[in-house]
Each structure stands twice: as structure tokens, then as C-alpha cells.
């Protein structure tokens, strides 16, 4: 295939199919000298004579017939290749690498990803979880295409788009530590509290809530998993502060008592992406789906 011009092969097949150079030229919107030149260049490239005249009709030589047999398969392979590449160009096939926190990955993303998969069934989506700082660095390094992180967030060359407010609530076991209807920082400070471990934005936001309430909290335990905190709270080992989305299922409400915080506490989730990122269809639809999380949270 090296150095072989497929347009020249196409011209050859048209000459054979129509029986003349002039008819092939008309069909391909070329001049007859242009067709003759293409056939001449093809014969020179292959080192064989491909056509001969039988009366007034152009007919393939034995070598031409051999080329004709292969040309049909080459044409089919090229058509298949172009069709496959067109799917990549449209974004329907490809990959989106999304980074987010574990809580969002568990409780926010599954319905969104299910809808996205129905819309673009051949789009490959990979999910990586980590703290905001980890995701931001991976997006900056182009190891991830897009992130859904907790604000504040930023970085050189990054575009940050807030998408939704994620409310926190106080939780305790039904037969565990009692909580009043109005849960303030001062109230929580008198209870054994299980918190997120230090190092992430979620813990920073919760610590700031206590600080603003004039309380310096010393948690009984600190863990990195929202599910682990829920299980320990259910076991009556303390109360916790969790994203409301993590305790909205009926099964959670059976075992846990959920109370609003006073003052209300929120974390803001945002989309982060490199400003120079090329937005193919799959990535554009992923961004659209992430922005739609606000509607589903309402």
C-alpha cells in the first residue's frame, strides 16, 4: 500500500466498469487526460500494464483483473475504516476520564452515567476517585479529562464551573445518641462525633462550621469513607455529619435519624476542565450531564 494512490485505483475500476476513459472521466468529474494520467501513474507504480483496448472498449489485462479483485476488498476496507473513524470524530466512541470524590461517585454519578450510557452506548467512561487536590492535579496533567470536585478549587489553565450545592445533615442511630430537632455546633460538641478524616475539602468545610459556631471539636473517630461512617453511626458508636445525598434512601432512614444542621451547611460541587481541552461529543455530553445534576438534586 505504500505510495499507492487509492484515487488512481478508483479511476482504474471506473474505466473497467464503464469501458472507456471518457465515460470514467465524466462519472468522476475529471477530464479524460486526467484519467489517462492517473492510470499511467498507477501502471508505473505497480510496474505492469493494467488496461488494453479490445475494439473501442478498455479491458483489463491479466494483471488488471488481479488488481480489480483486490480493489473491491480495498474499497470495502477503506469504507469500513472511514466509518469507524467518523464515530470517533463524532465522539460516540472514545473515552472520558472523570475524577471525583468517593461520595459523589457512589451517590451522585450512577443515575447520570446510566442516562449517558443510554445516549452514547459506545462511549467509554472511566472513574477515578480522590480528594479535590488529587483530581485537580490529574486534570492539569491531562491524566483526567474532567473533574467533579468540592470548592474551593482552581489552578493554572483550569476552567471551574459550579454545578450544585450539596447539603450536609446530622445523623445518629435510632437507638443511639439522641439529637434534638435543631442541631447546632454547640450541640454536636457535646456528643461523640464521627467525622471525615483530615486532608479533604469535606473535612475543612465541617471544621469551618464548628469554628464559626465557636466550637473546637475533637472527633471521637475519623474515617475516609462515608459508608464506613454510616455503619459506625448505625452501630450506635456516635453521631456524624454527612452529605444528605448519602442518607436519602429508604433503608438509611429506617436505621438512622437525620436532622438538619443549624446554621445550614453546604459544600459546592464544581466541574473542572482544562481551558484548552478539545470537547468532542462524548465530553460535551458528559459536561451537560454533570450540569444536570443540579436539576436532579432539586
C-alpha atoms as a PDB file:
ATOM      1  CA  UNK A   1       0.000   0.000   0.000  1.00  0.00           C
ATOM      2  CA  UNK A   2       2.977   2.309   0.483  1.00  0.00           C
ATOM      3  CA  UNK A   3       2.886   5.012  -2.183  1.00  0.00           C
ATOM      4  CA  UNK A   4      -0.267   3.585  -3.736  1.00  0.00           C
ATOM      5  CA  UNK A   5      -2.823   6.303  -4.550  1.00  0.00           C
ATOM      6  CA  UNK A   6      -6.316   4.992  -3.866  1.00  0.00           C
ATOM      7  CA  UNK A   7      -7.842   7.650  -6.143  1.00  0.00           C
ATOM      8  CA  UNK A   8      -5.856   6.137  -9.004  1.00  0.00           C
ATOM      9  CA  UNK A   9      -7.205   2.690  -8.128  1.00  0.00           C
ATOM     10  CA  UNK A  10     -10.730   4.133  -8.089  1.00  0.00           C
ATOM     11  CA  UNK A  11     -10.166   5.670 -11.531  1.00  0.00           C
ATOM     12  CA  UNK A  12      -8.958   2.309 -12.857  1.00  0.00           C
ATOM     13  CA  UNK A  13     -12.042   0.462 -11.565  1.00  0.00           C
ATOM     14  CA  UNK A  14     -14.335   3.080 -13.147  1.00  0.00           C
ATOM     15  CA  UNK A  15     -12.611   2.735 -16.517  1.00  0.00           C
ATOM     16  CA  UNK A  16     -13.083  -1.029 -16.369  1.00  0.00           C
ATOM     17  CA  UNK A  17     -16.693  -0.732 -15.187  1.00  0.00           C
ATOM     18  CA  UNK A  18     -17.690   1.798 -17.869  1.00  0.00           C
ATOM     19  CA  UNK A  19     -15.407   0.517 -20.619  1.00  0.00           C
ATOM     20  CA  UNK A  20     -13.841   3.828 -21.581  1.00  0.00           C
ATOM     21  CA  UNK A  21     -11.660   6.633 -20.302  1.00  0.00           C
ATOM     22  CA  UNK A  22     -14.122   9.318 -21.362  1.00  0.00           C
ATOM     23  CA  UNK A  23     -17.055   7.707 -19.556  1.00  0.00           C
ATOM     24  CA  UNK A  24     -14.983   7.278 -16.383  1.00  0.00           C
ATOM     25  CA  UNK A  25     -13.817  10.891 -16.605  1.00  0.00           C
ATOM     26  CA  UNK A  26     -17.397  12.125 -16.908  1.00  0.00           C
ATOM     27  CA  UNK A  27     -18.541   9.999 -13.963  1.00  0.00           C
ATOM     28  CA  UNK A  28     -15.660  11.217 -11.727  1.00  0.00           C
ATOM     29  CA  UNK A  29     -15.992  14.866 -12.844  1.00  0.00           C
ATOM     30  CA  UNK A  30     -12.495  14.812 -14.327  1.00  0.00           C
ATOM     31  CA  UNK A  31     -11.061  15.354 -17.780  1.00  0.00           C
ATOM     32  CA  UNK A  32     -10.085  12.423 -19.985  1.00  0.00           C
ATOM     33  CA  UNK A  33      -6.377  13.442 -19.938  1.00  0.00           C
ATOM     34  CA  UNK A  34      -6.543  13.482 -16.091  1.00  0.00           C
ATOM     35  CA  UNK A  35      -7.914   9.925 -16.053  1.00  0.00           C
ATOM     36  CA  UNK A  36      -5.270   8.786 -18.539  1.00  0.00           C
ATOM     37  CA  UNK A  37      -2.565  10.365 -16.401  1.00  0.00           C
ATOM     38  CA  UNK A  38      -3.855   8.623 -13.252  1.00  0.00           C
ATOM     39  CA  UNK A  39      -3.926   5.238 -14.959  1.00  0.00           C
ATOM     40  CA  UNK A  40      -0.435   5.822 -16.314  1.00  0.00           C
ATOM     41  CA  UNK A  41       0.885   6.702 -12.867  1.00  0.00           C
ATOM     42  CA  UNK A  42      -0.801   3.628 -11.367  1.00  0.00           C
ATOM     43  CA  UNK A  43       0.759   1.344 -14.003  1.00  0.00           C
ATOM     44  CA  UNK A  44       4.156   2.949 -13.388  1.00  0.00           C
ATOM     45  CA  UNK A  45       3.786   2.466  -9.616  1.00  0.00           C
ATOM     46  CA  UNK A  46       2.806  -1.224  -9.982  1.00  0.00           C
ATOM     47  CA  UNK A  47       5.181  -1.908 -12.873  1.00  0.00           C
ATOM     48  CA  UNK A  48       2.565  -3.678 -15.012  1.00  0.00           C
ATOM     49  CA  UNK A  49       0.154  -2.855 -17.809  1.00  0.00           C
ATOM     50  CA  UNK A  50      -3.391  -2.795 -16.464  1.00  0.00           C
ATOM     51  CA  UNK A  51      -5.572  -1.947 -19.496  1.00  0.00           C
ATOM     52  CA  UNK A  52      -5.756  -2.833 -23.144  1.00  0.00           C
ATOM     53  CA  UNK A  53      -8.154  -1.903 -25.903  1.00  0.00           C
ATOM     54  CA  UNK A  54     -10.439  -4.543 -27.373  1.00  0.00           C
ATOM     55  CA  UNK A  55     -12.161  -2.763 -30.247  1.00  0.00           C
ATOM     56  CA  UNK A  56     -13.345   0.523 -28.778  1.00  0.00           C
ATOM     57  CA  UNK A  57     -13.618  -0.794 -25.222  1.00  0.00           C
ATOM     58  CA  UNK A  58     -10.971  -0.601 -22.486  1.00  0.00           C
ATOM     59  CA  UNK A  59     -10.493  -4.027 -20.920  1.00  0.00           C
ATOM     60  CA  UNK A  60      -8.310  -5.178 -18.022  1.00  0.00           C
ATOM     61  CA  UNK A  61      -5.196  -7.199 -18.688  1.00  0.00           C
ATOM     62  CA  UNK A  62      -4.498 -10.294 -16.581  1.00  0.00           C
ATOM     63  CA  UNK A  63      -2.684  -8.032 -14.101  1.00  0.00           C
ATOM     64  CA  UNK A  64      -5.587  -5.588 -14.264  1.00  0.00           C
ATOM     65  CA  UNK A  65      -8.063  -8.352 -13.422  1.00  0.00           C
ATOM     66  CA  UNK A  66      -5.925  -9.298 -10.436  1.00  0.00           C
ATOM     67  CA  UNK A  67      -5.946  -5.675  -9.259  1.00  0.00           C
ATOM     68  CA  UNK A  68      -9.694  -5.487  -9.815  1.00  0.00           C
ATOM     69  CA  UNK A  69     -10.255  -8.435  -7.464  1.00  0.00           C
ATOM     70  CA  UNK A  70      -8.233  -6.760  -4.715  1.00  0.00           C
ATOM     71  CA  UNK A  71      -9.634  -3.282  -5.394  1.00  0.00           C
ATOM     72  CA  UNK A  72     -13.120  -4.312  -4.272  1.00  0.00           C
ATOM     73  CA  UNK A  73     -11.757  -5.554  -0.939  1.00  0.00           C
ATOM     74  CA  UNK A  74      -9.573  -2.458  -0.547  1.00  0.00           C
ATOM     75  CA  UNK A  75     -12.571  -0.222  -1.210  1.00  0.00           C
ATOM     76  CA  UNK A  76     -14.618  -2.088   1.408  1.00  0.00           C
ATOM     77  CA  UNK A  77     -11.809  -1.877   3.941  1.00  0.00           C
ATOM     78  CA  UNK A  78     -11.392   1.869   3.351  1.00  0.00           C
ATOM     79  CA  UNK A  79     -15.146   2.449   3.711  1.00  0.00           C
ATOM     80  CA  UNK A  80     -15.159   0.482   6.951  1.00  0.00           C
ATOM     81  CA  UNK A  81     -12.165   2.458   8.229  1.00  0.00           C
ATOM     82  CA  UNK A  82     -13.759   5.811   7.425  1.00  0.00           C
ATOM     83  CA  UNK A  83     -16.994   4.763   9.093  1.00  0.00           C
ATOM     84  CA  UNK A  84     -15.106   3.723  12.217  1.00  0.00           C
ATOM     85  CA  UNK A  85     -13.091   6.942  12.350  1.00  0.00           C
ATOM     86  CA  UNK A  86     -16.237   9.020  11.824  1.00  0.00           C
ATOM     87  CA  UNK A  87     -17.610   7.538  15.026  1.00  0.00           C
ATOM     88  CA  UNK A  88     -14.507   8.724  16.889  1.00  0.00           C
ATOM     89  CA  UNK A  89     -14.806  12.173  15.324  1.00  0.00           C
ATOM     90  CA  UNK A  90     -18.414  12.486  16.482  1.00  0.00           C
ATOM     91  CA  UNK A  91     -17.453  11.434  19.998  1.00  0.00           C
ATOM     92  CA  UNK A  92     -19.822   8.466  20.042  1.00  0.00           C
ATOM     93  CA  UNK A  93     -16.853   6.177  20.511  1.00  0.00           C
ATOM     94  CA  UNK A  94     -13.954   7.178  22.672  1.00  0.00           C
ATOM     95  CA  UNK A  95     -13.137   7.710  26.296  1.00  0.00           C
ATOM     96  CA  UNK A  96     -13.927  10.230  29.002  1.00  0.00           C
ATOM     97  CA  UNK A  97     -11.783  10.043  32.149  1.00  0.00           C
ATOM     98  CA  UNK A  98     -13.711  11.541  35.054  1.00  0.00           C
ATOM     99  CA  UNK A  99     -12.340  12.227  38.516  1.00  0.00           C
ATOM    100  CA  UNK A 100     -14.410  12.952  41.626  1.00  0.00           C
ATOM    101  CA  UNK A 101     -14.771  12.233  45.327  1.00  0.00           C
ATOM    102  CA  UNK A 102     -15.955   8.880  46.608  1.00  0.00           C
ATOM    103  CA  UNK A 103     -19.296  10.245  47.868  1.00  0.00           C
ATOM    104  CA  UNK A 104     -20.203  11.763  44.502  1.00  0.00           C
ATOM    105  CA  UNK A 105     -19.057   8.593  42.729  1.00  0.00           C
ATOM    106  CA  UNK A 106     -21.357   6.460  44.882  1.00  0.00           C
ATOM    107  CA  UNK A 107     -24.420   8.659  45.294  1.00  0.00           C
ATOM    108  CA  UNK A 108     -24.436  11.257  42.502  1.00  0.00           C
ATOM    109  CA  UNK A 109     -22.951   9.688  39.395  1.00  0.00           C
ATOM    110  CA  UNK A 110     -24.704   6.306  38.853  1.00  0.00           C
ATOM    111  CA  UNK A 111     -28.061   7.698  37.568  1.00  0.00           C
ATOM    112  CA  UNK A 112     -26.218  10.267  35.433  1.00  0.00           C
ATOM    113  CA  UNK A 113     -23.904   7.624  33.971  1.00  0.00           C
ATOM    114  CA  UNK A 114     -26.840   5.328  33.241  1.00  0.00           C
ATOM    115  CA  UNK A 115     -28.554   8.080  31.215  1.00  0.00           C
ATOM    116  CA  UNK A 116     -25.316   8.947  29.441  1.00  0.00           C
ATOM    117  CA  UNK A 117     -24.721   5.308  28.536  1.00  0.00           C
ATOM    118  CA  UNK A 118     -28.203   5.098  27.008  1.00  0.00           C
ATOM    119  CA  UNK A 119     -27.488   8.191  24.921  1.00  0.00           C
ATOM    120  CA  UNK A 120     -23.954   7.187  23.865  1.00  0.00           C
ATOM    121  CA  UNK A 121     -23.747   3.416  24.366  1.00  0.00           C
ATOM    122  CA  UNK A 122     -20.256   3.107  22.892  1.00  0.00           C
ATOM    123  CA  UNK A 123     -18.693   5.879  24.955  1.00  0.00           C
ATOM    124  CA  UNK A 124     -16.098   4.511  27.373  1.00  0.00           C
ATOM    125  CA  UNK A 125     -16.158   6.258  30.758  1.00  0.00           C
ATOM    126  CA  UNK A 126     -13.565   5.637  33.459  1.00  0.00           C
ATOM    127  CA  UNK A 127     -13.960   6.954  37.009  1.00  0.00           C
ATOM    128  CA  UNK A 128     -11.124   7.811  39.380  1.00  0.00           C
ATOM    129  CA  UNK A 129     -11.775   8.896  42.964  1.00  0.00           C
ATOM    130  CA  UNK A 130      -9.677  11.130  45.153  1.00  0.00           C
ATOM    131  CA  UNK A 131      -9.551  14.358  47.114  1.00  0.00           C
ATOM    132  CA  UNK A 132     -10.079  17.666  45.318  1.00  0.00           C
ATOM    133  CA  UNK A 133      -6.324  18.351  45.198  1.00  0.00           C
ATOM    134  CA  UNK A 134      -5.653  14.945  43.616  1.00  0.00           C
ATOM    135  CA  UNK A 135      -8.321  15.426  40.955  1.00  0.00           C
ATOM    136  CA  UNK A 136      -7.197  18.973  40.151  1.00  0.00           C
ATOM    137  CA  UNK A 137      -3.617  17.858  39.607  1.00  0.00           C
ATOM    138  CA  UNK A 138      -4.718  14.961  37.398  1.00  0.00           C
ATOM    139  CA  UNK A 139      -6.862  17.298  35.269  1.00  0.00           C
ATOM    140  CA  UNK A 140      -3.988  19.781  34.958  1.00  0.00           C
ATOM    141  CA  UNK A 141      -1.643  16.951  33.945  1.00  0.00           C
ATOM    142  CA  UNK A 142      -4.226  15.711  31.418  1.00  0.00           C
ATOM    143  CA  UNK A 143      -4.357  12.361  33.227  1.00  0.00           C
ATOM    144  CA  UNK A 144      -8.089  13.062  33.641  1.00  0.00           C
ATOM    145  CA  UNK A 145     -10.340  14.815  31.134  1.00  0.00           C
ATOM    146  CA  UNK A 146     -12.732  16.353  33.650  1.00  0.00           C
ATOM    147  CA  UNK A 147     -13.339  16.527  37.381  1.00  0.00           C
ATOM    148  CA  UNK A 148     -16.297  16.997  39.706  1.00  0.00           C
ATOM    149  CA  UNK A 149     -14.797  18.441  42.889  1.00  0.00           C
ATOM    150  CA  UNK A 150     -15.626  20.342  46.043  1.00  0.00           C
ATOM    151  CA  UNK A 151     -14.953  24.081  46.041  1.00  0.00           C
ATOM    152  CA  UNK A 152     -12.767  25.965  46.608  1.00  0.00           C
ATOM    153  CA  UNK A 153     -10.844  24.698  43.602  1.00  0.00           C
ATOM    154  CA  UNK A 154      -8.696  26.260  40.959  1.00  0.00           C
ATOM    155  CA  UNK A 155      -5.444  26.041  39.115  1.00  0.00           C
ATOM    156  CA  UNK A 156      -3.481  27.393  36.220  1.00  0.00           C
ATOM    157  CA  UNK A 157      -5.254  26.793  32.934  1.00  0.00           C
ATOM    158  CA  UNK A 158      -8.377  25.326  34.544  1.00  0.00           C
ATOM    159  CA  UNK A 159     -11.981  26.346  33.948  1.00  0.00           C
ATOM    160  CA  UNK A 160     -14.142  25.921  37.061  1.00  0.00           C
ATOM    161  CA  UNK A 161     -17.953  25.781  36.760  1.00  0.00           C
ATOM    162  CA  UNK A 162     -20.076  25.429  39.939  1.00  0.00           C
ATOM    163  CA  UNK A 163     -22.965  23.000  39.395  1.00  0.00           C
ATOM    164  CA  UNK A 164     -24.770  22.283  42.681  1.00  0.00           C
ATOM    165  CA  UNK A 165     -24.954  22.829  46.421  1.00  0.00           C
ATOM    166  CA  UNK A 166     -24.605  19.613  48.398  1.00  0.00           C
ATOM    167  CA  UNK A 167     -26.221  19.957  51.849  1.00  0.00           C
ATOM    168  CA  UNK A 168     -24.881  18.288  54.993  1.00  0.00           C
ATOM    169  CA  UNK A 169     -27.033  16.811  57.753  1.00  0.00           C
ATOM    170  CA  UNK A 170     -26.515  15.341  61.208  1.00  0.00           C
ATOM    171  CA  UNK A 171     -27.173  11.610  61.573  1.00  0.00           C
ATOM    172  CA  UNK A 172     -27.478   9.259  64.510  1.00  0.00           C
ATOM    173  CA  UNK A 173     -28.814   5.759  65.136  1.00  0.00           C
ATOM    174  CA  UNK A 174     -32.463   5.405  66.143  1.00  0.00           C
ATOM    175  CA  UNK A 175     -31.407   3.737  69.379  1.00  0.00           C
ATOM    176  CA  UNK A 176     -28.134   5.648  69.677  1.00  0.00           C
ATOM    177  CA  UNK A 177     -27.001   9.145  70.638  1.00  0.00           C
ATOM    178  CA  UNK A 178     -30.036  11.455  70.841  1.00  0.00           C
ATOM    179  CA  UNK A 179     -30.114  14.609  68.714  1.00  0.00           C
ATOM    180  CA  UNK A 180     -32.585  17.499  69.057  1.00  0.00           C
ATOM    181  CA  UNK A 181     -34.567  18.864  66.123  1.00  0.00           C
ATOM    182  CA  UNK A 182     -32.166  21.807  65.885  1.00  0.00           C
ATOM    183  CA  UNK A 183     -28.556  20.619  65.681  1.00  0.00           C
ATOM    184  CA  UNK A 184     -26.016  23.376  66.259  1.00  0.00           C
ATOM    185  CA  UNK A 185     -22.219  23.198  66.551  1.00  0.00           C
ATOM    186  CA  UNK A 186     -22.592  23.526  70.335  1.00  0.00           C
ATOM    187  CA  UNK A 187     -24.989  20.551  70.434  1.00  0.00           C
ATOM    188  CA  UNK A 188     -22.678  18.364  68.329  1.00  0.00           C
ATOM    189  CA  UNK A 189     -19.738  19.292  70.554  1.00  0.00           C
ATOM    190  CA  UNK A 190     -21.436  17.521  73.493  1.00  0.00           C
ATOM    191  CA  UNK A 191     -21.823  14.259  71.548  1.00  0.00           C
ATOM    192  CA  UNK A 192     -19.331  11.658  70.335  1.00  0.00           C
ATOM    193  CA  UNK A 193     -18.835  12.653  66.694  1.00  0.00           C
ATOM    194  CA  UNK A 194     -17.506  10.522  63.835  1.00  0.00           C
ATOM    195  CA  UNK A 195     -16.039  12.775  61.123  1.00  0.00           C
ATOM    196  CA  UNK A 196     -14.354  12.551  57.763  1.00  0.00           C
ATOM    197  CA  UNK A 197     -10.610  12.203  58.067  1.00  0.00           C
ATOM    198  CA  UNK A 198      -8.457  15.355  57.667  1.00  0.00           C
ATOM    199  CA  UNK A 199      -6.964  16.235  54.292  1.00  0.00           C
ATOM    200  CA  UNK A 200     -10.069  16.653  52.160  1.00  0.00           C
ATOM    201  CA  UNK A 201     -12.277  19.649  51.437  1.00  0.00           C
ATOM    202  CA  UNK A 202     -15.263  17.994  53.139  1.00  0.00           C
ATOM    203  CA  UNK A 203     -13.469  17.906  56.485  1.00  0.00           C
ATOM    204  CA  UNK A 204     -12.299  21.503  56.011  1.00  0.00           C
ATOM    205  CA  UNK A 205     -15.887  22.644  55.433  1.00  0.00           C
ATOM    206  CA  UNK A 206     -17.167  20.797  58.509  1.00  0.00           C
ATOM    207  CA  UNK A 207     -14.344  22.152  60.696  1.00  0.00           C
ATOM    208  CA  UNK A 208     -15.157  25.660  59.500  1.00  0.00           C
ATOM    209  CA  UNK A 209     -18.814  25.160  60.513  1.00  0.00           C
ATOM    210  CA  UNK A 210     -17.741  24.271  64.049  1.00  0.00           C
ATOM    211  CA  UNK A 211     -15.243  27.133  64.160  1.00  0.00           C
ATOM    212  CA  UNK A 212     -17.899  29.644  63.077  1.00  0.00           C
ATOM    213  CA  UNK A 213     -20.103  28.308  65.884  1.00  0.00           C
ATOM    214  CA  UNK A 214     -17.397  28.966  68.427  1.00  0.00           C
ATOM    215  CA  UNK A 215     -16.593  25.277  68.911  1.00  0.00           C
ATOM    216  CA  UNK A 216     -13.314  23.420  68.586  1.00  0.00           C
ATOM    217  CA  UNK A 217     -14.419  19.838  68.001  1.00  0.00           C
ATOM    218  CA  UNK A 218     -12.330  16.815  68.829  1.00  0.00           C
ATOM    219  CA  UNK A 219     -13.923  13.913  66.901  1.00  0.00           C
ATOM    220  CA  UNK A 220     -14.204  10.528  68.530  1.00  0.00           C
ATOM    221  CA  UNK A 221     -13.198   8.887  65.242  1.00  0.00           C
ATOM    222  CA  UNK A 222     -12.236  10.000  61.734  1.00  0.00           C
ATOM    223  CA  UNK A 223     -12.660   7.881  58.613  1.00  0.00           C
ATOM    224  CA  UNK A 224     -12.269   8.403  54.889  1.00  0.00           C
ATOM    225  CA  UNK A 225     -15.410   6.586  53.783  1.00  0.00           C
ATOM    226  CA  UNK A 226     -18.980   7.855  54.054  1.00  0.00           C
ATOM    227  CA  UNK A 227     -20.243   4.266  54.109  1.00  0.00           C
ATOM    228  CA  UNK A 228     -17.917   3.394  56.992  1.00  0.00           C
ATOM    229  CA  UNK A 229     -19.150   6.409  58.958  1.00  0.00           C
ATOM    230  CA  UNK A 230     -22.763   5.379  58.322  1.00  0.00           C
ATOM    231  CA  UNK A 231     -22.143   1.844  59.550  1.00  0.00           C
ATOM    232  CA  UNK A 232     -20.449   3.031  62.743  1.00  0.00           C
ATOM    233  CA  UNK A 233     -23.225   5.529  63.421  1.00  0.00           C
ATOM    234  CA  UNK A 234     -25.837   2.791  62.867  1.00  0.00           C
ATOM    235  CA  UNK A 235     -23.968   0.676  65.407  1.00  0.00           C
ATOM    236  CA  UNK A 236     -24.542   3.413  67.993  1.00  0.00           C
ATOM    237  CA  UNK A 237     -20.894   4.442  68.290  1.00  0.00           C
ATOM    238  CA  UNK A 238     -21.589   8.124  67.770  1.00  0.00           C
ATOM    239  CA  UNK A 239     -23.285  10.650  65.516  1.00  0.00           C
ATOM    240  CA  UNK A 240     -21.965  12.106  62.288  1.00  0.00           C
ATOM    241  CA  UNK A 241     -22.174  14.886  59.731  1.00  0.00           C
ATOM    242  CA  UNK A 242     -22.743  13.536  56.244  1.00  0.00           C
ATOM    243  CA  UNK A 243     -23.908  14.765  52.824  1.00  0.00           C
ATOM    244  CA  UNK A 244     -27.713  14.500  52.736  1.00  0.00           C
ATOM    245  CA  UNK A 245     -27.491  12.564  49.448  1.00  0.00           C
ATOM    246  CA  UNK A 246     -25.719   9.746  51.317  1.00  0.00           C
ATOM    247  CA  UNK A 247     -28.709   9.092  53.601  1.00  0.00           C
ATOM    248  CA  UNK A 248     -31.695   9.664  51.356  1.00  0.00           C
ATOM    249  CA  UNK A 249     -32.509   6.010  50.620  1.00  0.00           C
ATOM    250  CA  UNK A 250     -35.415   4.417  52.492  1.00  0.00           C
ATOM    251  CA  UNK A 251     -33.104   1.833  54.055  1.00  0.00           C
ATOM    252  CA  UNK A 252     -30.944   4.568  55.534  1.00  0.00           C
ATOM    253  CA  UNK A 253     -33.934   6.327  57.064  1.00  0.00           C
ATOM    254  CA  UNK A 254     -35.015   3.055  58.667  1.00  0.00           C
ATOM    255  CA  UNK A 255     -31.850   2.783  60.715  1.00  0.00           C
ATOM    256  CA  UNK A 256     -30.820   6.415  61.056  1.00  0.00           C
ATOM    257  CA  UNK A 257     -32.311   9.633  62.394  1.00  0.00           C
ATOM    258  CA  UNK A 258     -31.487  12.554  60.101  1.00  0.00           C
ATOM    259  CA  UNK A 259     -31.529  16.142  61.362  1.00  0.00           C
ATOM    260  CA  UNK A 260     -30.828  19.429  59.565  1.00  0.00           C
ATOM    261  CA  UNK A 261     -27.901  21.483  60.768  1.00  0.00           C
ATOM    262  CA  UNK A 262     -28.310  24.991  62.140  1.00  0.00           C
ATOM    263  CA  UNK A 263     -26.975  27.034  60.533  1.00  0.00           C
ATOM    264  CA  UNK A 264     -27.353  25.070  57.323  1.00  0.00           C
ATOM    265  CA  UNK A 265     -24.129  23.680  55.921  1.00  0.00           C
ATOM    266  CA  UNK A 266     -23.380  23.129  52.237  1.00  0.00           C
ATOM    267  CA  UNK A 267     -20.481  22.251  50.047  1.00  0.00           C
ATOM    268  CA  UNK A 268     -20.487  23.414  46.441  1.00  0.00           C
ATOM    269  CA  UNK A 269     -19.556  20.924  43.724  1.00  0.00           C
ATOM    270  CA  UNK A 270     -17.986  22.187  40.522  1.00  0.00           C
ATOM    271  CA  UNK A 271     -16.833  20.914  37.154  1.00  0.00           C
ATOM    272  CA  UNK A 272     -13.143  21.469  36.403  1.00  0.00           C
ATOM    273  CA  UNK A 273     -11.605  21.074  32.966  1.00  0.00           C
ATOM    274  CA  UNK A 274      -8.575  22.407  31.146  1.00  0.00           C
ATOM    275  CA  UNK A 275      -9.346  25.561  29.183  1.00  0.00           C
ATOM    276  CA  UNK A 276      -7.529  24.150  26.158  1.00  0.00           C
ATOM    277  CA  UNK A 277      -9.374  20.818  26.247  1.00  0.00           C
ATOM    278  CA  UNK A 278     -10.854  19.743  22.914  1.00  0.00           C
ATOM    279  CA  UNK A 279     -14.531  18.997  23.551  1.00  0.00           C
ATOM    280  CA  UNK A 280     -15.568  16.058  21.402  1.00  0.00           C
ATOM    281  CA  UNK A 281     -19.196  14.955  21.553  1.00  0.00           C
ATOM    282  CA  UNK A 282     -18.682  12.444  24.339  1.00  0.00           C
ATOM    283  CA  UNK A 283     -17.001  15.024  26.562  1.00  0.00           C
ATOM    284  CA  UNK A 284     -19.602  17.693  25.755  1.00  0.00           C
ATOM    285  CA  UNK A 285     -22.403  15.310  26.682  1.00  0.00           C
ATOM    286  CA  UNK A 286     -20.620  14.375  29.914  1.00  0.00           C
ATOM    287  CA  UNK A 287     -20.396  18.055  30.859  1.00  0.00           C
ATOM    288  CA  UNK A 288     -24.069  18.507  30.023  1.00  0.00           C
ATOM    289  CA  UNK A 289     -24.968  15.518  32.192  1.00  0.00           C
ATOM    290  CA  UNK A 290     -22.887  16.812  35.119  1.00  0.00           C
ATOM    291  CA  UNK A 291     -24.584  20.204  34.881  1.00  0.00           C
ATOM    292  CA  UNK A 292     -27.907  18.376  35.009  1.00  0.00           C
ATOM    293  CA  UNK A 293     -27.070  17.039  38.469  1.00  0.00           C
ATOM    294  CA  UNK A 294     -28.414  20.303  39.905  1.00  0.00           C
ATOM    295  CA  UNK A 295     -31.854  19.584  38.424  1.00  0.00           C
ATOM    296  CA  UNK A 296     -31.885  16.071  39.883  1.00  0.00           C
ATOM    297  CA  UNK A 297     -30.817  17.376  43.297  1.00  0.00           C
ATOM    298  CA  UNK A 298     -33.647  19.925  43.409  1.00  0.00           C
END
